[in-house]
Amino acid sequence: MEFADTNQPFTKYLLGDNGVVYEAQTQASFSSGFCEADDNGDVNAYYLPNEEIVFQRSADTAAQEELQRILRKYN
């Protein structure tokens, strides 16, 4: 079963509790840009990403509006 074409860039989205959708483009893998941290935010060096991925506010207005719609249910 194939989930994505790994020859194409990945777009990663973060839904912020501040009501903003952020996105980043990467050519790496599904997990690039993310790593596991303990409850204090400390990361084991073994799990550090190979590259830093910068998330920026998404220009996807539909995504921004949908997150606002979802958050209105809980605020």
C-alpha atoms as a PDB file:
ATOM      1  CA  MET A   1       0.000   0.000   0.000  1.00  0.00           C
ATOM      2  CA  GLU A   2       1.422   3.383  -0.997  1.00  0.00           C
ATOM      3  CA  PHE A   3       0.538   6.463   1.055  1.00  0.00           C
ATOM      4  CA  ALA A   4       2.554   9.165  -0.688  1.00  0.00           C
ATOM      5  CA  ASP A   5       4.943   9.681  -3.560  1.00  0.00           C
ATOM      6  CA  THR A   6       8.251  10.107  -1.731  1.00  0.00           C
ATOM      7  CA  ASN A   7       9.718  11.682  -4.872  1.00  0.00           C
ATOM      8  CA  GLN A   8       7.461  14.689  -4.321  1.00  0.00           C
ATOM      9  CA  PRO A   9       7.759  17.300  -1.543  1.00  0.00           C
ATOM     10  CA  PHE A  10       5.791  16.798   1.668  1.00  0.00           C
ATOM     11  CA  THR A  11       3.675  19.563   3.146  1.00  0.00           C
ATOM     12  CA  LYS A  12       3.435  19.347   6.928  1.00  0.00           C
ATOM     13  CA  TYR A  13       0.761  21.213   8.847  1.00  0.00           C
ATOM     14  CA  LEU A  14       0.610  22.212  12.511  1.00  0.00           C
ATOM     15  CA  LEU A  15      -2.679  23.334  14.002  1.00  0.00           C
ATOM     16  CA  GLY A  16      -1.809  25.831  16.707  1.00  0.00           C
ATOM     17  CA  ASP A  17      -3.868  26.320  19.845  1.00  0.00           C
ATOM     18  CA  ASN A  18      -3.369  30.019  19.087  1.00  0.00           C
ATOM     19  CA  GLY A  19      -5.794  29.547  16.174  1.00  0.00           C
ATOM     20  CA  VAL A  20      -3.181  29.622  13.419  1.00  0.00           C
ATOM     21  CA  VAL A  21      -2.333  26.911  10.877  1.00  0.00           C
ATOM     22  CA  TYR A  22       1.380  26.628  10.098  1.00  0.00           C
ATOM     23  CA  GLU A  23       2.993  24.684   7.271  1.00  0.00           C
ATOM     24  CA  ALA A  24       6.422  23.606   6.083  1.00  0.00           C
ATOM     25  CA  GLN A  25       7.686  21.995   2.898  1.00  0.00           C
ATOM     26  CA  THR A  26      10.254  19.213   3.028  1.00  0.00           C
ATOM     27  CA  GLN A  27      11.765  16.680   0.668  1.00  0.00           C
ATOM     28  CA  ALA A  28      12.626  14.333   3.508  1.00  0.00           C
ATOM     29  CA  SER A  29      10.291  11.806   5.109  1.00  0.00           C
ATOM     30  CA  PHE A  30       6.961  11.588   6.916  1.00  0.00           C
ATOM     31  CA  SER A  31       8.598  12.195  10.290  1.00  0.00           C
ATOM     32  CA  SER A  32      11.104  14.899   9.324  1.00  0.00           C
ATOM     33  CA  GLY A  33      10.629  18.084  11.294  1.00  0.00           C
ATOM     34  CA  PHE A  34       9.263  16.223  14.291  1.00  0.00           C
ATOM     35  CA  CYS A  35      10.958  14.404  17.143  1.00  0.00           C
ATOM     36  CA  GLU A  36      10.028  12.946  20.486  1.00  0.00           C
ATOM     37  CA  ALA A  37      10.703  14.969  23.614  1.00  0.00           C
ATOM     38  CA  ASP A  38      10.226  14.217  27.294  1.00  0.00           C
ATOM     39  CA  ASP A  39       7.850  16.136  29.570  1.00  0.00           C
ATOM     40  CA  ASN A  40      10.476  18.857  30.029  1.00  0.00           C
ATOM     41  CA  GLY A  41      10.951  19.354  26.281  1.00  0.00           C
ATOM     42  CA  ASP A  42      14.365  17.679  26.268  1.00  0.00           C
ATOM     43  CA  VAL A  43      15.189  15.564  23.218  1.00  0.00           C
ATOM     44  CA  ASN A  44      17.484  12.559  23.166  1.00  0.00           C
ATOM     45  CA  ALA A  45      20.282  13.294  20.659  1.00  0.00           C
ATOM     46  CA  TYR A  46      19.502   9.990  18.933  1.00  0.00           C
ATOM     47  CA  TYR A  47      16.120  11.387  17.873  1.00  0.00           C
ATOM     48  CA  LEU A  48      17.235  14.831  16.715  1.00  0.00           C
ATOM     49  CA  PRO A  49      16.184  15.600  13.140  1.00  0.00           C
ATOM     50  CA  ASN A  50      18.849  15.738  10.443  1.00  0.00           C
ATOM     51  CA  GLU A  51      17.667  19.127   9.278  1.00  0.00           C
ATOM     52  CA  GLU A  52      15.728  22.010  10.751  1.00  0.00           C
ATOM     53  CA  ILE A  53      12.382  22.623   9.127  1.00  0.00           C
ATOM     54  CA  VAL A  54      10.861  26.067   9.467  1.00  0.00           C
ATOM     55  CA  PHE A  55       7.106  26.252   9.867  1.00  0.00           C
ATOM     56  CA  GLN A  56       5.478  29.464   8.666  1.00  0.00           C
ATOM     57  CA  ARG A  57       1.925  30.734   8.836  1.00  0.00           C
ATOM     58  CA  SER A  58       0.021  28.911   6.114  1.00  0.00           C
ATOM     59  CA  ALA A  59      -1.418  30.950   3.249  1.00  0.00           C
ATOM     60  CA  ASP A  60      -4.143  28.298   2.900  1.00  0.00           C
ATOM     61  CA  THR A  61      -7.174  30.400   3.823  1.00  0.00           C
ATOM     62  CA  ALA A  62      -9.502  27.382   3.754  1.00  0.00           C
ATOM     63  CA  ALA A  63      -7.325  25.649   6.365  1.00  0.00           C
ATOM     64  CA  GLN A  64      -7.215  28.800   8.530  1.00  0.00           C
ATOM     65  CA  GLU A  65     -11.011  29.135   8.366  1.00  0.00           C
ATOM     66  CA  GLU A  66     -11.561  25.451   9.146  1.00  0.00           C
ATOM     67  CA  LEU A  67      -9.351  25.619  12.234  1.00  0.00           C
ATOM     68  CA  GLN A  68     -11.280  28.674  13.430  1.00  0.00           C
ATOM     69  CA  ARG A  69     -14.554  26.790  12.889  1.00  0.00           C
ATOM     70  CA  ILE A  70     -13.258  23.839  14.923  1.00  0.00           C
ATOM     71  CA  LEU A  71     -11.941  26.024  17.748  1.00  0.00           C
ATOM     72  CA  ARG A  72     -15.263  27.914  18.049  1.00  0.00           C
ATOM     73  CA  LYS A  73     -16.829  24.642  19.227  1.00  0.00           C
ATOM     74  CA  TYR A  74     -14.522  24.584  22.248  1.00  0.00           C
ATOM     75  CA  ASN A  75     -14.149  28.271  23.146  1.00  0.00           C
END
